[in-house]
Amino acid sequence: MSGVYEQLADTVEFYGQVKVLRFTPGAGSHFDRLGEMRLHIGTMDLRIASIALAYGGVVVTRNIRDFQRVPELALEDWAQSG
């Protein structure tokens, strides 16, 4: 059983180091603009894209098909990274 608790502790430690980006008013503006464009991607993916645009970040995903529909969004396909 200690192996499971050790994995849990490692997971908590890892996520404690991850910066969570907030859905700011700037992200909300991007979200509204992108929503008006009717890009045919899911609402949560649209929120992720909006946050990345607001922060000037890169979306690391293997869902390139949907995210590439978002203009000016920087993408990296983690499944293709070496």
Protein backbone atom coordinates (compact mmCIF):
# COMPACT_ATOMS: atom_id res chain seq x y z
CA MET A 1 0.00 0.00 0.00
CA SER A 2 2.85 2.40 0.63
CA GLY A 3 3.56 2.48 -3.12
CA VAL A 4 0.15 4.01 -3.75
CA TYR A 5 0.69 6.68 -1.10
CA GLU A 6 4.13 7.40 -2.48
CA GLN A 7 2.62 7.92 -5.95
CA LEU A 8 -0.01 10.21 -4.45
CA ALA A 9 2.67 12.25 -2.68
CA ASP A 10 4.69 12.50 -5.90
CA THR A 11 1.60 13.62 -7.80
CA VAL A 12 0.72 16.28 -5.23
CA GLU A 13 4.31 17.52 -5.24
CA PHE A 14 4.33 17.71 -9.05
CA TYR A 15 1.05 19.61 -9.31
CA GLY A 16 2.18 21.93 -6.54
CA GLN A 17 4.87 23.18 -8.94
CA VAL A 18 2.49 23.77 -11.87
CA LYS A 19 1.34 27.32 -12.44
CA VAL A 20 -2.40 27.51 -13.08
CA LEU A 21 -3.38 30.34 -15.41
CA ARG A 22 -6.60 32.12 -14.53
CA PHE A 23 -9.46 32.94 -16.87
CA THR A 24 -8.93 36.70 -16.80
CA PRO A 25 -11.10 39.44 -18.34
CA GLY A 26 -8.61 39.46 -21.23
CA ALA A 27 -9.21 35.75 -21.76
CA GLY A 28 -12.93 36.46 -21.63
CA SER A 29 -12.54 38.99 -24.45
CA HIS A 30 -10.69 36.42 -26.57
CA PHE A 31 -13.36 33.84 -25.72
CA ASP A 32 -16.17 36.15 -26.85
CA ARG A 33 -14.34 37.04 -30.08
CA LEU A 34 -13.56 33.42 -30.89
CA GLY A 35 -17.12 32.38 -30.07
CA GLU A 36 -18.42 34.86 -32.63
CA MET A 37 -16.18 33.20 -35.23
CA ARG A 38 -18.01 29.87 -34.83
CA LEU A 39 -14.85 27.79 -35.04
CA HIS A 40 -16.60 24.49 -34.29
CA ILE A 41 -14.46 23.47 -31.33
CA GLY A 42 -15.62 22.54 -27.85
CA THR A 43 -16.35 25.19 -25.25
CA MET A 44 -13.62 24.03 -22.90
CA ASP A 45 -11.06 23.93 -25.72
CA LEU A 46 -12.14 27.45 -26.63
CA ARG A 47 -11.55 28.52 -23.02
CA ILE A 48 -8.08 26.93 -23.05
CA ALA A 49 -7.25 28.70 -26.32
CA SER A 50 -8.53 32.01 -24.93
CA ILE A 51 -6.35 31.73 -21.83
CA ALA A 52 -3.29 30.91 -23.97
CA LEU A 53 -3.95 33.90 -26.22
CA ALA A 54 -4.41 36.22 -23.24
CA TYR A 55 -1.13 35.12 -21.65
CA GLY A 56 0.78 34.80 -24.93
CA GLY A 57 1.32 31.12 -24.21
CA VAL A 58 1.59 27.90 -26.16
CA VAL A 59 -1.06 25.19 -26.03
CA VAL A 60 0.67 21.83 -25.70
CA THR A 61 -1.75 19.19 -26.91
CA ARG A 62 -2.17 16.26 -29.22
CA ASN A 63 -5.52 17.70 -30.36
CA ILE A 64 -3.98 19.77 -33.15
CA ARG A 65 -7.02 19.22 -35.40
CA ASP A 66 -9.32 21.36 -33.25
CA PHE A 67 -6.87 23.91 -31.86
CA GLN A 68 -5.38 24.75 -35.27
CA ARG A 69 -8.73 26.33 -36.12
CA VAL A 70 -7.97 29.16 -33.67
CA PRO A 71 -6.23 32.04 -35.46
CA GLU A 72 -2.87 33.16 -34.01
CA LEU A 73 -2.79 30.37 -31.42
CA ALA A 74 0.67 28.90 -30.82
CA LEU A 75 0.55 25.11 -30.65
CA GLU A 76 2.88 22.26 -29.87
CA ASP A 77 1.89 18.64 -30.46
CA TRP A 78 3.21 16.83 -27.39
CA ALA A 79 2.65 13.46 -29.06
CA GLN A 80 5.16 14.41 -31.79
CA SER A 81 7.83 15.79 -29.45
CA GLY A 82 10.95 13.69 -29.09
